[in-house]
Amino acid sequence: MLKKWGAFFGSFLCIYFFCYSVLPFLDETLGFKEAHQKLAEEDIESGAWYYIFVKKVEPSSENVRHTLNYSNRGVKKDVEP
């Protein structure tokens, strides 16, 4: 039982370490900090970007689904009808 509690608190410690040291380090090194600052300066609601891109992709997903459903994948090209 003590091992389970130790693993439980150890996992929280790992998550804490990852969130407060690894993620800020990656934010600095990969250059996301400038993008975050630009979003804050321009007062851009970043959640809206997700919905814009989903709206752009949504019609194409319908086309892909229809192509997969109604394509002639099983027809051999060298056979004459």
C-alpha atoms as a PDB file:
ATOM      1  CA  MET A   1       0.000   0.000   0.000  1.00  0.00           C
ATOM      2  CA  LEU A   2       2.891   2.314   0.788  1.00  0.00           C
ATOM      3  CA  LYS A   3       4.401   1.687  -2.666  1.00  0.00           C
ATOM      4  CA  LYS A   4       1.147   2.701  -4.350  1.00  0.00           C
ATOM      5  CA  TRP A   5       0.971   5.961  -2.397  1.00  0.00           C
ATOM      6  CA  GLY A   6       4.623   6.616  -3.186  1.00  0.00           C
ATOM      7  CA  ALA A   7       3.981   6.057  -6.885  1.00  0.00           C
ATOM      8  CA  PHE A   8       0.913   8.300  -6.689  1.00  0.00           C
ATOM      9  CA  PHE A   9       2.807  11.218  -5.140  1.00  0.00           C
ATOM     10  CA  GLY A  10       5.827  10.509  -7.332  1.00  0.00           C
ATOM     11  CA  SER A  11       3.678  10.875 -10.432  1.00  0.00           C
ATOM     12  CA  PHE A  12       2.447  14.245  -9.191  1.00  0.00           C
ATOM     13  CA  LEU A  13       6.039  15.278  -8.585  1.00  0.00           C
ATOM     14  CA  CYS A  14       6.953  14.275 -12.151  1.00  0.00           C
ATOM     15  CA  ILE A  15       4.010  16.213 -13.583  1.00  0.00           C
ATOM     16  CA  TYR A  16       4.981  19.252 -11.486  1.00  0.00           C
ATOM     17  CA  PHE A  17       8.583  19.043 -12.698  1.00  0.00           C
ATOM     18  CA  PHE A  18       7.469  18.698 -16.317  1.00  0.00           C
ATOM     19  CA  CYS A  19       5.004  21.610 -16.147  1.00  0.00           C
ATOM     20  CA  TYR A  20       7.185  24.086 -14.273  1.00  0.00           C
ATOM     21  CA  SER A  21      10.623  23.355 -15.687  1.00  0.00           C
ATOM     22  CA  VAL A  22      10.523  21.371 -18.935  1.00  0.00           C
ATOM     23  CA  LEU A  23       7.633  23.177 -20.637  1.00  0.00           C
ATOM     24  CA  PRO A  24       8.952  26.703 -19.922  1.00  0.00           C
ATOM     25  CA  PHE A  25      12.382  25.609 -21.181  1.00  0.00           C
ATOM     26  CA  LEU A  26      10.844  24.305 -24.413  1.00  0.00           C
ATOM     27  CA  ASP A  27       8.803  27.492 -24.709  1.00  0.00           C
ATOM     28  CA  GLU A  28      12.027  29.537 -24.629  1.00  0.00           C
ATOM     29  CA  THR A  29      14.081  27.305 -26.927  1.00  0.00           C
ATOM     30  CA  LEU A  30      11.472  26.541 -29.603  1.00  0.00           C
ATOM     31  CA  GLY A  31      10.381  30.157 -29.974  1.00  0.00           C
ATOM     32  CA  PHE A  32       6.780  29.886 -28.890  1.00  0.00           C
ATOM     33  CA  LYS A  33       7.205  32.756 -26.442  1.00  0.00           C
ATOM     34  CA  GLU A  34       7.281  35.323 -29.252  1.00  0.00           C
ATOM     35  CA  ALA A  35       4.125  33.886 -30.764  1.00  0.00           C
ATOM     36  CA  HIS A  36       2.373  33.965 -27.389  1.00  0.00           C
ATOM     37  CA  GLN A  37       3.438  37.568 -26.865  1.00  0.00           C
ATOM     38  CA  LYS A  38       2.165  38.528 -30.324  1.00  0.00           C
ATOM     39  CA  LEU A  39      -1.194  36.908 -29.590  1.00  0.00           C
ATOM     40  CA  ALA A  40      -1.418  38.863 -26.332  1.00  0.00           C
ATOM     41  CA  GLU A  41      -0.374  42.159 -27.947  1.00  0.00           C
ATOM     42  CA  GLU A  42      -2.826  41.890 -30.817  1.00  0.00           C
ATOM     43  CA  ASP A  43      -5.599  40.679 -28.475  1.00  0.00           C
ATOM     44  CA  ILE A  44      -6.198  37.613 -30.629  1.00  0.00           C
ATOM     45  CA  GLU A  45      -8.389  34.962 -29.098  1.00  0.00           C
ATOM     46  CA  SER A  46      -6.309  31.888 -29.845  1.00  0.00           C
ATOM     47  CA  GLY A  47      -9.250  29.543 -29.357  1.00  0.00           C
ATOM     48  CA  ALA A  48     -10.884  31.141 -32.389  1.00  0.00           C
ATOM     49  CA  TRP A  49      -7.990  29.988 -34.587  1.00  0.00           C
ATOM     50  CA  TYR A  50      -8.899  26.372 -33.854  1.00  0.00           C
ATOM     51  CA  TYR A  51     -12.468  26.865 -35.017  1.00  0.00           C
ATOM     52  CA  ILE A  52     -11.347  28.732 -38.147  1.00  0.00           C
ATOM     53  CA  PHE A  53      -9.145  25.837 -39.183  1.00  0.00           C
ATOM     54  CA  VAL A  54     -11.805  23.257 -38.342  1.00  0.00           C
ATOM     55  CA  LYS A  55     -14.281  25.096 -40.547  1.00  0.00           C
ATOM     56  CA  LYS A  56     -11.761  25.064 -43.408  1.00  0.00           C
ATOM     57  CA  VAL A  57     -11.039  21.342 -43.051  1.00  0.00           C
ATOM     58  CA  GLU A  58     -14.592  20.155 -42.427  1.00  0.00           C
ATOM     59  CA  PRO A  59     -15.801  20.182 -46.087  1.00  0.00           C
ATOM     60  CA  SER A  60     -12.726  18.324 -47.280  1.00  0.00           C
ATOM     61  CA  SER A  61     -13.287  15.583 -44.713  1.00  0.00           C
ATOM     62  CA  GLU A  62     -16.736  15.050 -46.236  1.00  0.00           C
ATOM     63  CA  ASN A  63     -15.168  14.702 -49.685  1.00  0.00           C
ATOM     64  CA  VAL A  64     -12.589  12.226 -48.440  1.00  0.00           C
ATOM     65  CA  ARG A  65     -15.273  10.117 -46.774  1.00  0.00           C
ATOM     66  CA  HIS A  66     -17.353   9.999 -49.973  1.00  0.00           C
ATOM     67  CA  THR A  67     -14.282   9.114 -52.018  1.00  0.00           C
ATOM     68  CA  LEU A  68     -13.494   6.228 -49.719  1.00  0.00           C
ATOM     69  CA  ASN A  69     -17.092   4.994 -49.723  1.00  0.00           C
ATOM     70  CA  TYR A  70     -17.798   5.249 -53.447  1.00  0.00           C
ATOM     71  CA  SER A  71     -14.421   4.721 -55.101  1.00  0.00           C
ATOM     72  CA  ASN A  72     -13.748   1.737 -57.324  1.00  0.00           C
ATOM     73  CA  ARG A  73     -10.849   0.381 -55.329  1.00  0.00           C
ATOM     74  CA  GLY A  74     -11.653  -3.219 -56.210  1.00  0.00           C
ATOM     75  CA  VAL A  75     -11.722  -2.739 -59.994  1.00  0.00           C
ATOM     76  CA  LYS A  76      -8.581  -3.852 -61.832  1.00  0.00           C
ATOM     77  CA  LYS A  77      -7.347  -1.403 -64.435  1.00  0.00           C
ATOM     78  CA  ASP A  78      -6.102  -3.928 -67.041  1.00  0.00           C
ATOM     79  CA  VAL A  79      -9.437  -5.769 -67.332  1.00  0.00           C
ATOM     80  CA  GLU A  80     -11.630  -4.597 -70.235  1.00  0.00           C
ATOM     81  CA  PRO A  81     -15.329  -4.134 -69.369  1.00  0.00           C
END
